[in-house]
PDB file of N, CA and C in Angstrom:
ATOM      1  N   UNK A   1      16.437   6.141 -12.017  1.00  0.00           N
ATOM      2  CA  UNK A   1      16.198   4.862 -11.286  1.00  0.00           C
ATOM      3  C   UNK A   1      16.187   3.830 -12.491  1.00  0.00           C
ATOM      4  N   UNK A   2      16.929   2.755 -12.164  1.00  0.00           N
ATOM      5  CA  UNK A   2      16.958   1.592 -13.175  1.00  0.00           C
ATOM      6  C   UNK A   2      15.883   0.598 -12.835  1.00  0.00           C
ATOM      7  N   UNK A   3      15.512  -0.207 -13.731  1.00  0.00           N
ATOM      8  CA  UNK A   3      14.506  -1.219 -13.492  1.00  0.00           C
ATOM      9  C   UNK A   3      14.754  -2.047 -12.261  1.00  0.00           C
ATOM     10  N   UNK A   4      15.979  -2.381 -12.114  1.00  0.00           N
ATOM     11  CA  UNK A   4      16.402  -3.302 -11.043  1.00  0.00           C
ATOM     12  C   UNK A   4      16.224  -2.442  -9.645  1.00  0.00           C
ATOM     13  N   UNK A   5      16.545  -1.214  -9.592  1.00  0.00           N
ATOM     14  CA  UNK A   5      16.452  -0.334  -8.479  1.00  0.00           C
ATOM     15  C   UNK A   5      14.882  -0.274  -8.133  1.00  0.00           C
ATOM     16  N   UNK A   6      14.116  -0.025  -9.126  1.00  0.00           N
ATOM     17  CA  UNK A   6      12.680   0.058  -8.929  1.00  0.00           C
ATOM     18  C   UNK A   6      12.133  -1.200  -8.480  1.00  0.00           C
ATOM     19  N   UNK A   7      12.407  -2.346  -9.036  1.00  0.00           N
ATOM     20  CA  UNK A   7      11.852  -3.529  -8.425  1.00  0.00           C
ATOM     21  C   UNK A   7      12.323  -3.832  -7.077  1.00  0.00           C
ATOM     22  N   UNK A   8      13.584  -3.459  -6.622  1.00  0.00           N
ATOM     23  CA  UNK A   8      14.058  -3.661  -5.334  1.00  0.00           C
ATOM     24  C   UNK A   8      13.339  -2.945  -4.442  1.00  0.00           C
ATOM     25  N   UNK A   9      13.010  -1.635  -4.580  1.00  0.00           N
ATOM     26  CA  UNK A   9      12.397  -0.737  -3.805  1.00  0.00           C
ATOM     27  C   UNK A   9      10.810  -1.139  -3.656  1.00  0.00           C
ATOM     28  N   UNK A  10      10.267  -1.599  -4.826  1.00  0.00           N
ATOM     29  CA  UNK A  10       8.958  -1.902  -4.950  1.00  0.00           C
ATOM     30  C   UNK A  10       8.615  -3.258  -4.218  1.00  0.00           C
ATOM     31  N   UNK A  11       9.539  -4.080  -4.148  1.00  0.00           N
ATOM     32  CA  UNK A  11       9.416  -5.335  -3.498  1.00  0.00           C
ATOM     33  C   UNK A  11       9.436  -5.010  -1.976  1.00  0.00           C
ATOM     34  N   UNK A  12      10.333  -4.195  -1.508  1.00  0.00           N
ATOM     35  CA  UNK A  12      10.376  -3.803  -0.192  1.00  0.00           C
ATOM     36  C   UNK A  12       8.980  -3.354   0.260  1.00  0.00           C
ATOM     37  N   UNK A  13       8.420  -2.325  -0.614  1.00  0.00           N
ATOM     38  CA  UNK A  13       7.118  -1.814  -0.243  1.00  0.00           C
ATOM     39  C   UNK A  13       6.027  -2.757  -0.077  1.00  0.00           C
ATOM     40  N   UNK A  14       5.951  -3.691  -1.132  1.00  0.00           N
ATOM     41  CA  UNK A  14       4.860  -4.731  -1.114  1.00  0.00           C
ATOM     42  C   UNK A  14       5.146  -5.802   0.119  1.00  0.00           C
ATOM     43  N   UNK A  15       6.261  -6.054   0.359  1.00  0.00           N
ATOM     44  CA  UNK A  15       6.590  -6.916   1.618  1.00  0.00           C
ATOM     45  C   UNK A  15       6.201  -6.299   2.976  1.00  0.00           C
ATOM     46  N   UNK A  16       6.446  -4.860   2.933  1.00  0.00           N
ATOM     47  CA  UNK A  16       6.182  -4.105   4.035  1.00  0.00           C
ATOM     48  C   UNK A  16       4.667  -4.010   4.259  1.00  0.00           C
ATOM     49  N   UNK A  17       3.904  -3.900   3.226  1.00  0.00           N
ATOM     50  CA  UNK A  17       2.476  -3.964   3.305  1.00  0.00           C
ATOM     51  C   UNK A  17       1.946  -5.203   3.957  1.00  0.00           C
ATOM     52  N   UNK A  18       2.528  -6.379   3.403  1.00  0.00           N
ATOM     53  CA  UNK A  18       2.017  -7.686   3.974  1.00  0.00           C
ATOM     54  C   UNK A  18       2.500  -7.851   5.443  1.00  0.00           C
ATOM     55  N   UNK A  19       3.707  -7.403   5.704  1.00  0.00           N
ATOM     56  CA  UNK A  19       4.156  -7.517   7.135  1.00  0.00           C
ATOM     57  C   UNK A  19       3.254  -6.603   8.135  1.00  0.00           C
ATOM     58  N   UNK A  20       3.184  -5.273   7.624  1.00  0.00           N
ATOM     59  CA  UNK A  20       2.433  -4.428   8.501  1.00  0.00           C
ATOM     60  C   UNK A  20       0.947  -4.870   8.726  1.00  0.00           C
ATOM     61  N   UNK A  21       0.343  -5.487   7.617  1.00  0.00           N
ATOM     62  CA  UNK A  21      -1.092  -5.966   7.741  1.00  0.00           C
ATOM     63  C   UNK A  21      -1.057  -7.185   8.755  1.00  0.00           C
ATOM     64  N   UNK A  22      -0.064  -8.075   8.660  1.00  0.00           N
ATOM     65  CA  UNK A  22      -0.002  -9.186   9.760  1.00  0.00           C
ATOM     66  C   UNK A  22       0.193  -8.690  11.037  1.00  0.00           C
ATOM     67  N   UNK A  23       0.911  -7.590  11.315  1.00  0.00           N
ATOM     68  CA  UNK A  23       1.092  -7.055  12.716  1.00  0.00           C
ATOM     69  C   UNK A  23      -0.187  -6.461  13.114  1.00  0.00           C
ATOM     70  N   UNK A  24      -0.854  -5.669  12.275  1.00  0.00           N
ATOM     71  CA  UNK A  24      -2.195  -5.168  12.658  1.00  0.00           C
ATOM     72  C   UNK A  24      -3.193  -6.216  12.862  1.00  0.00           C
ATOM     73  N   UNK A  25      -3.136  -7.326  12.348  1.00  0.00           N
ATOM     74  CA  UNK A  25      -4.024  -8.435  12.643  1.00  0.00           C
ATOM     75  C   UNK A  25      -3.759  -8.982  13.980  1.00  0.00           C
ATOM     76  N   UNK A  26      -2.411  -9.145  14.272  1.00  0.00           N
ATOM     77  CA  UNK A  26      -2.059  -9.780  15.421  1.00  0.00           C
ATOM     78  C   UNK A  26      -2.136  -8.791  16.753  1.00  0.00           C
ATOM     79  N   UNK A  27      -1.535  -7.579  16.614  1.00  0.00           N
ATOM     80  CA  UNK A  27      -1.704  -6.604  17.681  1.00  0.00           C
ATOM     81  C   UNK A  27      -2.949  -5.933  17.929  1.00  0.00           C
ATOM     82  N   UNK A  28      -3.667  -5.535  16.910  1.00  0.00           N
ATOM     83  CA  UNK A  28      -4.799  -4.761  16.993  1.00  0.00           C
ATOM     84  C   UNK A  28      -6.141  -5.611  16.850  1.00  0.00           C
ATOM     85  N   UNK A  29      -6.018  -6.848  16.713  1.00  0.00           N
ATOM     86  CA  UNK A  29      -7.252  -7.659  16.498  1.00  0.00           C
ATOM     87  C   UNK A  29      -8.029  -7.203  15.378  1.00  0.00           C
ATOM     88  N   UNK A  30      -7.428  -6.912  14.251  1.00  0.00           N
ATOM     89  CA  UNK A  30      -8.194  -6.556  13.031  1.00  0.00           C
ATOM     90  C   UNK A  30      -8.093  -7.633  12.000  1.00  0.00           C
ATOM     91  N   UNK A  31      -9.194  -7.663  11.281  1.00  0.00           N
ATOM     92  CA  UNK A  31      -9.342  -8.861  10.320  1.00  0.00           C
ATOM     93  C   UNK A  31      -9.091  -8.401   9.096  1.00  0.00           C
ATOM     94  N   UNK A  32      -7.903  -8.059   8.544  1.00  0.00           N
ATOM     95  CA  UNK A  32      -7.603  -7.597   7.268  1.00  0.00           C
ATOM     96  C   UNK A  32      -7.075  -8.839   6.433  1.00  0.00           C
ATOM     97  N   UNK A  33      -7.745  -9.317   5.354  1.00  0.00           N
ATOM     98  CA  UNK A  33      -7.167 -10.332   4.497  1.00  0.00           C
ATOM     99  C   UNK A  33      -6.176  -9.732   3.509  1.00  0.00           C
ATOM    100  N   UNK A  34      -4.929 -10.117   3.429  1.00  0.00           N
ATOM    101  CA  UNK A  34      -4.041  -9.726   2.352  1.00  0.00           C
ATOM    102  C   UNK A  34      -3.586 -10.761   1.551  1.00  0.00           C
ATOM    103  N   UNK A  35      -3.778 -10.566   0.312  1.00  0.00           N
ATOM    104  CA  UNK A  35      -3.418 -11.475  -0.687  1.00  0.00           C
ATOM    105  C   UNK A  35      -2.431 -10.967  -1.734  1.00  0.00           C
ATOM    106  N   UNK A  36      -1.363 -11.678  -2.117  1.00  0.00           N
ATOM    107  CA  UNK A  36      -0.520 -11.102  -2.956  1.00  0.00           C
ATOM    108  C   UNK A  36      -0.460 -12.122  -4.239  1.00  0.00           C
ATOM    109  N   UNK A  37      -0.311 -11.409  -5.324  1.00  0.00           N
ATOM    110  CA  UNK A  37      -0.179 -12.181  -6.706  1.00  0.00           C
ATOM    111  C   UNK A  37       0.773 -11.389  -7.536  1.00  0.00           C
ATOM    112  N   UNK A  38       2.025 -11.938  -7.538  1.00  0.00           N
ATOM    113  CA  UNK A  38       2.964 -11.086  -8.383  1.00  0.00           C
ATOM    114  C   UNK A  38       3.315  -9.862  -7.673  1.00  0.00           C
ATOM    115  N   UNK A  39       3.018  -8.778  -8.627  1.00  0.00           N
ATOM    116  CA  UNK A  39       3.236  -7.407  -8.191  1.00  0.00           C
ATOM    117  C   UNK A  39       2.040  -6.727  -7.700  1.00  0.00           C
ATOM    118  N   UNK A  40       1.145  -7.474  -7.252  1.00  0.00           N
ATOM    119  CA  UNK A  40      -0.174  -6.745  -6.658  1.00  0.00           C
ATOM    120  C   UNK A  40      -0.595  -7.385  -5.229  1.00  0.00           C
ATOM    121  N   UNK A  41      -0.948  -6.409  -4.308  1.00  0.00           N
ATOM    122  CA  UNK A  41      -1.341  -6.934  -3.153  1.00  0.00           C
ATOM    123  C   UNK A  41      -2.872  -6.235  -3.087  1.00  0.00           C
ATOM    124  N   UNK A  42      -3.652  -7.236  -2.491  1.00  0.00           N
ATOM    125  CA  UNK A  42      -5.074  -6.870  -2.293  1.00  0.00           C
ATOM    126  C   UNK A  42      -5.480  -7.005  -0.771  1.00  0.00           C
ATOM    127  N   UNK A  43      -5.811  -5.834  -0.178  1.00  0.00           N
ATOM    128  CA  UNK A  43      -6.222  -5.824   1.322  1.00  0.00           C
ATOM    129  C   UNK A  43      -7.850  -5.918   1.231  1.00  0.00           C
ATOM    130  N   UNK A  44      -8.459  -6.830   1.941  1.00  0.00           N
ATOM    131  CA  UNK A  44      -9.818  -6.986   2.126  1.00  0.00           C
ATOM    132  C   UNK A  44     -10.197  -6.725   3.554  1.00  0.00           C
ATOM    133  N   UNK A  45     -11.114  -5.902   3.690  1.00  0.00           N
ATOM    134  CA  UNK A  45     -11.543  -5.602   5.132  1.00  0.00           C
ATOM    135  C   UNK A  45     -12.922  -6.350   5.422  1.00  0.00           C
ATOM    136  N   UNK A  46     -13.163  -6.441   6.755  1.00  0.00           N
ATOM    137  CA  UNK A  46     -14.378  -7.160   7.084  1.00  0.00           C
ATOM    138  C   UNK A  46     -15.610  -6.770   6.378  1.00  0.00           C
ATOM    139  N   UNK A  47     -15.735  -5.525   6.042  1.00  0.00           N
ATOM    140  CA  UNK A  47     -16.946  -4.913   5.358  1.00  0.00           C
ATOM    141  C   UNK A  47     -16.896  -5.232   3.875  1.00  0.00           C
ATOM    142  N   UNK A  48     -15.842  -6.064   3.301  1.00  0.00           N
ATOM    143  CA  UNK A  48     -15.602  -6.521   2.022  1.00  0.00           C
ATOM    144  C   UNK A  48     -15.044  -5.414   1.017  1.00  0.00           C
ATOM    145  N   UNK A  49     -14.807  -4.158   1.573  1.00  0.00           N
ATOM    146  CA  UNK A  49     -14.180  -3.233   0.770  1.00  0.00           C
ATOM    147  C   UNK A  49     -12.739  -3.698   0.561  1.00  0.00           C
ATOM    148  N   UNK A  50     -12.090  -3.068  -0.303  1.00  0.00           N
ATOM    149  CA  UNK A  50     -10.711  -3.523  -0.718  1.00  0.00           C
ATOM    150  C   UNK A  50      -9.806  -2.354  -1.037  1.00  0.00           C
ATOM    151  N   UNK A  51      -8.614  -2.467  -0.755  1.00  0.00           N
ATOM    152  CA  UNK A  51      -7.537  -1.507  -1.233  1.00  0.00           C
ATOM    153  C   UNK A  51      -6.579  -2.432  -2.083  1.00  0.00           C
ATOM    154  N   UNK A  52      -6.275  -1.906  -3.248  1.00  0.00           N
ATOM    155  CA  UNK A  52      -5.270  -2.810  -4.132  1.00  0.00           C
ATOM    156  C   UNK A  52      -4.138  -1.888  -4.425  1.00  0.00           C
ATOM    157  N   UNK A  53      -3.011  -2.444  -4.212  1.00  0.00           N
ATOM    158  CA  UNK A  53      -1.626  -1.859  -4.445  1.00  0.00           C
ATOM    159  C   UNK A  53      -0.913  -2.763  -5.590  1.00  0.00           C
ATOM    160  N   UNK A  54      -0.744  -2.183  -6.711  1.00  0.00           N
ATOM    161  CA  UNK A  54       0.112  -2.812  -7.767  1.00  0.00           C
ATOM    162  C   UNK A  54       1.164  -2.080  -8.365  1.00  0.00           C
ATOM    163  N   UNK A  55       2.101  -2.804  -8.931  1.00  0.00           N
ATOM    164  CA  UNK A  55       3.214  -2.179  -9.498  1.00  0.00           C
ATOM    165  C   UNK A  55       2.960  -1.792 -11.133  1.00  0.00           C
ATOM    166  N   UNK A  56       3.544  -0.761 -11.508  1.00  0.00           N
ATOM    167  CA  UNK A  56       3.376  -0.254 -12.884  1.00  0.00           C
ATOM    168  C   UNK A  56       4.825  -0.149 -13.328  1.00  0.00           C
ATOM    169  N   UNK A  57       5.435  -1.236 -13.614  1.00  0.00           N
ATOM    170  CA  UNK A  57       6.847  -1.427 -13.929  1.00  0.00           C
ATOM    171  C   UNK A  57       7.303  -0.466 -14.998  1.00  0.00           C
ATOM    172  N   UNK A  58       6.676  -0.364 -16.146  1.00  0.00           N
ATOM    173  CA  UNK A  58       7.172   0.520 -17.171  1.00  0.00           C
ATOM    174  C   UNK A  58       7.357   1.951 -16.756  1.00  0.00           C
ATOM    175  N   UNK A  59       6.432   2.389 -15.814  1.00  0.00           N
ATOM    176  CA  UNK A  59       6.401   3.822 -15.319  1.00  0.00           C
ATOM    177  C   UNK A  59       7.248   4.044 -14.144  1.00  0.00           C
ATOM    178  N   UNK A  60       7.658   2.929 -13.427  1.00  0.00           N
ATOM    179  CA  UNK A  60       8.421   2.885 -12.224  1.00  0.00           C
ATOM    180  C   UNK A  60       7.554   3.500 -11.105  1.00  0.00           C
ATOM    181  N   UNK A  61       6.274   3.217 -11.093  1.00  0.00           N
ATOM    182  CA  UNK A  61       5.338   3.656 -10.201  1.00  0.00           C
ATOM    183  C   UNK A  61       4.569   2.567  -9.442  1.00  0.00           C
ATOM    184  N   UNK A  62       4.001   2.826  -8.381  1.00  0.00           N
ATOM    185  CA  UNK A  62       3.167   1.950  -7.508  1.00  0.00           C
ATOM    186  C   UNK A  62       1.748   2.768  -7.483  1.00  0.00           C
ATOM    187  N   UNK A  63       0.795   2.000  -7.754  1.00  0.00           N
ATOM    188  CA  UNK A  63      -0.566   2.476  -7.877  1.00  0.00           C
ATOM    189  C   UNK A  63      -1.509   1.977  -6.732  1.00  0.00           C
ATOM    190  N   UNK A  64      -2.166   2.781  -6.083  1.00  0.00           N
ATOM    191  CA  UNK A  64      -2.949   2.403  -4.989  1.00  0.00           C
ATOM    192  C   UNK A  64      -4.392   2.701  -5.349  1.00  0.00           C
ATOM    193  N   UNK A  65      -5.334   1.751  -5.318  1.00  0.00           N
ATOM    194  CA  UNK A  65      -6.783   1.917  -5.467  1.00  0.00           C
ATOM    195  C   UNK A  65      -7.562   1.738  -4.230  1.00  0.00           C
ATOM    196  N   UNK A  66      -8.301   2.857  -3.930  1.00  0.00           N
ATOM    197  CA  UNK A  66      -9.062   2.662  -2.619  1.00  0.00           C
ATOM    198  C   UNK A  66     -10.500   3.296  -3.085  1.00  0.00           C
ATOM    199  N   UNK A  67     -11.367   3.069  -2.131  1.00  0.00           N
ATOM    200  CA  UNK A  67     -12.732   3.540  -2.466  1.00  0.00           C
ATOM    201  C   UNK A  67     -12.693   5.069  -2.801  1.00  0.00           C
ATOM    202  N   UNK A  68     -11.821   5.942  -2.193  1.00  0.00           N
ATOM    203  CA  UNK A  68     -11.824   7.371  -2.501  1.00  0.00           C
ATOM    204  C   UNK A  68     -11.271   7.706  -3.823  1.00  0.00           C
ATOM    205  N   UNK A  69     -10.605   6.696  -4.445  1.00  0.00           N
ATOM    206  CA  UNK A  69      -9.948   6.993  -5.765  1.00  0.00           C
ATOM    207  C   UNK A  69      -8.599   6.157  -5.995  1.00  0.00           C
ATOM    208  N   UNK A  70      -7.817   6.609  -7.097  1.00  0.00           N
ATOM    209  CA  UNK A  70      -6.624   5.935  -7.404  1.00  0.00           C
ATOM    210  C   UNK A  70      -5.463   6.896  -7.225  1.00  0.00           C
ATOM    211  N   UNK A  71      -4.378   6.342  -6.961  1.00  0.00           N
ATOM    212  CA  UNK A  71      -3.189   7.219  -6.605  1.00  0.00           C
ATOM    213  C   UNK A  71      -1.917   6.641  -7.114  1.00  0.00           C
ATOM    214  N   UNK A  72      -1.025   7.465  -7.642  1.00  0.00           N
ATOM    215  CA  UNK A  72       0.109   6.947  -8.175  1.00  0.00           C
ATOM    216  C   UNK A  72       1.385   7.396  -7.349  1.00  0.00           C
ATOM    217  N   UNK A  73       2.386   6.587  -7.077  1.00  0.00           N
ATOM    218  CA  UNK A  73       3.411   6.920  -6.228  1.00  0.00           C
ATOM    219  C   UNK A  73       4.784   6.628  -6.894  1.00  0.00           C
ATOM    220  N   UNK A  74       5.759   7.460  -6.767  1.00  0.00           N
ATOM    221  CA  UNK A  74       7.046   7.240  -7.325  1.00  0.00           C
ATOM    222  C   UNK A  74       8.118   7.420  -6.155  1.00  0.00           C
ATOM    223  N   UNK A  75       9.134   6.541  -6.155  1.00  0.00           N
ATOM    224  CA  UNK A  75      10.273   6.584  -5.234  1.00  0.00           C
ATOM    225  C   UNK A  75      11.104   7.735  -5.394  1.00  0.00           C
ATOM    226  N   UNK A  76      11.232   8.554  -4.403  1.00  0.00           N
ATOM    227  CA  UNK A  76      12.072   9.800  -4.677  1.00  0.00           C
ATOM    228  C   UNK A  76      13.563   9.662  -4.028  1.00  0.00           C
ATOM    229  N   UNK A  77      13.949   8.463  -3.683  1.00  0.00           N
ATOM    230  CA  UNK A  77      15.226   8.114  -3.211  1.00  0.00           C
ATOM    231  C   UNK A  77      15.138   7.882  -1.664  1.00  0.00           C
ATOM    232  N   UNK A  78      14.018   8.149  -1.064  1.00  0.00           N
ATOM    233  CA  UNK A  78      13.925   7.975   0.303  1.00  0.00           C
ATOM    234  C   UNK A  78      12.491   7.432   0.700  1.00  0.00           C
ATOM    235  N   UNK A  79      11.460   7.996   0.157  1.00  0.00           N
ATOM    236  CA  UNK A  79      10.034   7.456   0.383  1.00  0.00           C
ATOM    237  C   UNK A  79       9.374   7.552  -1.000  1.00  0.00           C
ATOM    238  N   UNK A  80       8.152   6.900  -0.969  1.00  0.00           N
ATOM    239  CA  UNK A  80       7.245   6.779  -2.105  1.00  0.00           C
ATOM    240  C   UNK A  80       6.346   8.009  -2.019  1.00  0.00           C
ATOM    241  N   UNK A  81       6.416   8.885  -2.954  1.00  0.00           N
ATOM    242  CA  UNK A  81       5.606  10.057  -2.867  1.00  0.00           C
ATOM    243  C   UNK A  81       4.402  10.006  -3.950  1.00  0.00           C
ATOM    244  N   UNK A  82       3.311  10.604  -3.632  1.00  0.00           N
ATOM    245  CA  UNK A  82       2.181  10.667  -4.544  1.00  0.00           C
ATOM    246  C   UNK A  82       2.688  11.653  -5.574  1.00  0.00           C
ATOM    247  N   UNK A  83       2.484  11.301  -6.987  1.00  0.00           N
ATOM    248  CA  UNK A  83       2.785  12.068  -8.101  1.00  0.00           C
ATOM    249  C   UNK A  83       2.192  13.372  -8.253  1.00  0.00           C
ATOM    250  N   UNK A  84       1.094  13.573  -7.499  1.00  0.00           N
ATOM    251  CA  UNK A  84       0.232  14.857  -7.645  1.00  0.00           C
ATOM    252  C   UNK A  84       0.284  15.608  -6.266  1.00  0.00           C
ATOM    253  N   UNK A  85       1.380  15.209  -5.484  1.00  0.00           N
ATOM    254  CA  UNK A  85       1.543  16.065  -4.276  1.00  0.00           C
ATOM    255  C   UNK A  85       0.680  15.717  -3.137  1.00  0.00           C
ATOM    256  N   UNK A  86       0.007  14.533  -3.133  1.00  0.00           N
ATOM    257  CA  UNK A  86      -1.038  14.196  -2.034  1.00  0.00           C
ATOM    258  C   UNK A  86      -0.358  13.435  -0.918  1.00  0.00           C
ATOM    259  N   UNK A  87       0.883  13.405  -0.817  1.00  0.00           N
ATOM    260  CA  UNK A  87       1.550  12.823   0.355  1.00  0.00           C
ATOM    261  C   UNK A  87       2.348  11.608   0.098  1.00  0.00           C
ATOM    262  N   UNK A  88       2.793  11.047   1.260  1.00  0.00           N
ATOM    263  CA  UNK A  88       3.651   9.755   1.357  1.00  0.00           C
ATOM    264  C   UNK A  88       2.799   8.613   1.255  1.00  0.00           C
ATOM    265  N   UNK A  89       3.390   7.530   0.797  1.00  0.00           N
ATOM    266  CA  UNK A  89       2.489   6.276   0.550  1.00  0.00           C
ATOM    267  C   UNK A  89       2.028   5.649   1.968  1.00  0.00           C
ATOM    268  N   UNK A  90       2.747   5.516   2.911  1.00  0.00           N
ATOM    269  CA  UNK A  90       2.441   4.851   4.268  1.00  0.00           C
ATOM    270  C   UNK A  90       1.316   5.659   5.055  1.00  0.00           C
ATOM    271  N   UNK A  91       1.437   7.156   4.906  1.00  0.00           N
ATOM    272  CA  UNK A  91       0.441   7.972   5.468  1.00  0.00           C
ATOM    273  C   UNK A  91      -0.906   7.735   4.762  1.00  0.00           C
ATOM    274  N   UNK A  92      -0.762   7.731   3.436  1.00  0.00           N
ATOM    275  CA  UNK A  92      -2.033   7.471   2.639  1.00  0.00           C
ATOM    276  C   UNK A  92      -2.647   6.196   2.834  1.00  0.00           C
ATOM    277  N   UNK A  93      -1.925   5.212   2.838  1.00  0.00           N
ATOM    278  CA  UNK A  93      -2.427   3.792   3.044  1.00  0.00           C
ATOM    279  C   UNK A  93      -3.075   3.845   4.430  1.00  0.00           C
ATOM    280  N   UNK A  94      -2.375   4.339   5.459  1.00  0.00           N
ATOM    281  CA  UNK A  94      -3.057   4.448   6.767  1.00  0.00           C
ATOM    282  C   UNK A  94      -4.426   5.110   6.653  1.00  0.00           C
ATOM    283  N   UNK A  95      -4.447   6.261   6.125  1.00  0.00           N
ATOM    284  CA  UNK A  95      -5.669   7.175   6.051  1.00  0.00           C
ATOM    285  C   UNK A  95      -6.847   6.338   5.387  1.00  0.00           C
ATOM    286  N   UNK A  96      -6.478   5.738   4.157  1.00  0.00           N
ATOM    287  CA  UNK A  96      -7.450   5.136   3.329  1.00  0.00           C
ATOM    288  C   UNK A  96      -7.890   3.825   4.061  1.00  0.00           C
ATOM    289  N   UNK A  97      -7.072   3.076   4.680  1.00  0.00           N
ATOM    290  CA  UNK A  97      -7.456   1.917   5.376  1.00  0.00           C
ATOM    291  C   UNK A  97      -8.235   2.160   6.595  1.00  0.00           C
ATOM    292  N   UNK A  98      -8.030   3.219   7.292  1.00  0.00           N
ATOM    293  CA  UNK A  98      -8.712   3.637   8.407  1.00  0.00           C
ATOM    294  C   UNK A  98     -10.214   3.980   7.994  1.00  0.00           C
ATOM    295  N   UNK A  99     -10.315   4.791   6.888  1.00  0.00           N
ATOM    296  CA  UNK A  99     -11.600   5.229   6.321  1.00  0.00           C
ATOM    297  C   UNK A  99     -12.490   4.033   5.937  1.00  0.00           C
ATOM    298  N   UNK A 100     -11.838   3.070   5.262  1.00  0.00           N
ATOM    299  CA  UNK A 100     -12.579   1.915   4.885  1.00  0.00           C
ATOM    300  C   UNK A 100     -12.964   0.820   5.872  1.00  0.00           C
ATOM    301  N   UNK A 101     -12.090   0.876   6.896  1.00  0.00           N
ATOM    302  CA  UNK A 101     -12.261  -0.169   8.050  1.00  0.00           C
ATOM    303  C   UNK A 101     -13.110   0.354   8.993  1.00  0.00           C
ATOM    304  N   UNK A 102     -13.322   1.649   9.197  1.00  0.00           N
ATOM    305  CA  UNK A 102     -14.075   2.365  10.255  1.00  0.00           C
ATOM    306  C   UNK A 102     -13.286   2.401  11.593  1.00  0.00           C
ATOM    307  N   UNK A 103     -12.003   2.097  11.533  1.00  0.00           N
ATOM    308  CA  UNK A 103     -11.271   2.247  12.774  1.00  0.00           C
ATOM    309  C   UNK A 103      -9.775   2.753  12.458  1.00  0.00           C
ATOM    310  N   UNK A 104      -9.181   3.377  13.419  1.00  0.00           N
ATOM    311  CA  UNK A 104      -7.780   3.890  13.178  1.00  0.00           C
ATOM    312  C   UNK A 104      -6.767   2.786  12.992  1.00  0.00           C
ATOM    313  N   UNK A 105      -6.130   2.728  11.874  1.00  0.00           N
ATOM    314  CA  UNK A 105      -5.112   1.775  11.434  1.00  0.00           C
ATOM    315  C   UNK A 105      -3.855   2.538  11.036  1.00  0.00           C
ATOM    316  N   UNK A 106      -2.698   2.086  11.547  1.00  0.00           N
ATOM    317  CA  UNK A 106      -1.551   2.628  11.155  1.00  0.00           C
ATOM    318  C   UNK A 106      -0.476   1.576  10.580  1.00  0.00           C
ATOM    319  N   UNK A 107      -0.397   1.877   9.245  1.00  0.00           N
ATOM    320  CA  UNK A 107       0.572   0.950   8.520  1.00  0.00           C
ATOM    321  C   UNK A 107       1.764   1.594   8.440  1.00  0.00           C
ATOM    322  N   UNK A 108       2.913   0.889   8.597  1.00  0.00           N
ATOM    323  CA  UNK A 108       4.312   1.416   8.605  1.00  0.00           C
ATOM    324  C   UNK A 108       5.180   0.411   7.966  1.00  0.00           C
ATOM    325  N   UNK A 109       6.283   0.932   7.430  1.00  0.00           N
ATOM    326  CA  UNK A 109       7.190  -0.006   6.704  1.00  0.00           C
ATOM    327  C   UNK A 109       7.906  -0.895   7.716  1.00  0.00           C
TER     328      UNK A 109
END
């Protein structure tokens, strides 16, 4: 994957997180604050816990930090997969956000 291909896919991912968060706030009456600064999106939940997603450009990875730990994802040509076999990004984000918010949340691209 070239740097441009990585940046294109990573931009789609970050924009998808923002969009999914906005939809959850509108449709599910959830109050998740999402802020983006460059290649980083911070999700802040009403209980003040956070999930941070940021780009690691030199590695062509996306990193996700949640209460339960930190995770690295690489694009496999179709989806973003955890580098240690822990699953697909959107499923993981939904699981960690649900754990931190105390309610079932479904993030999707």
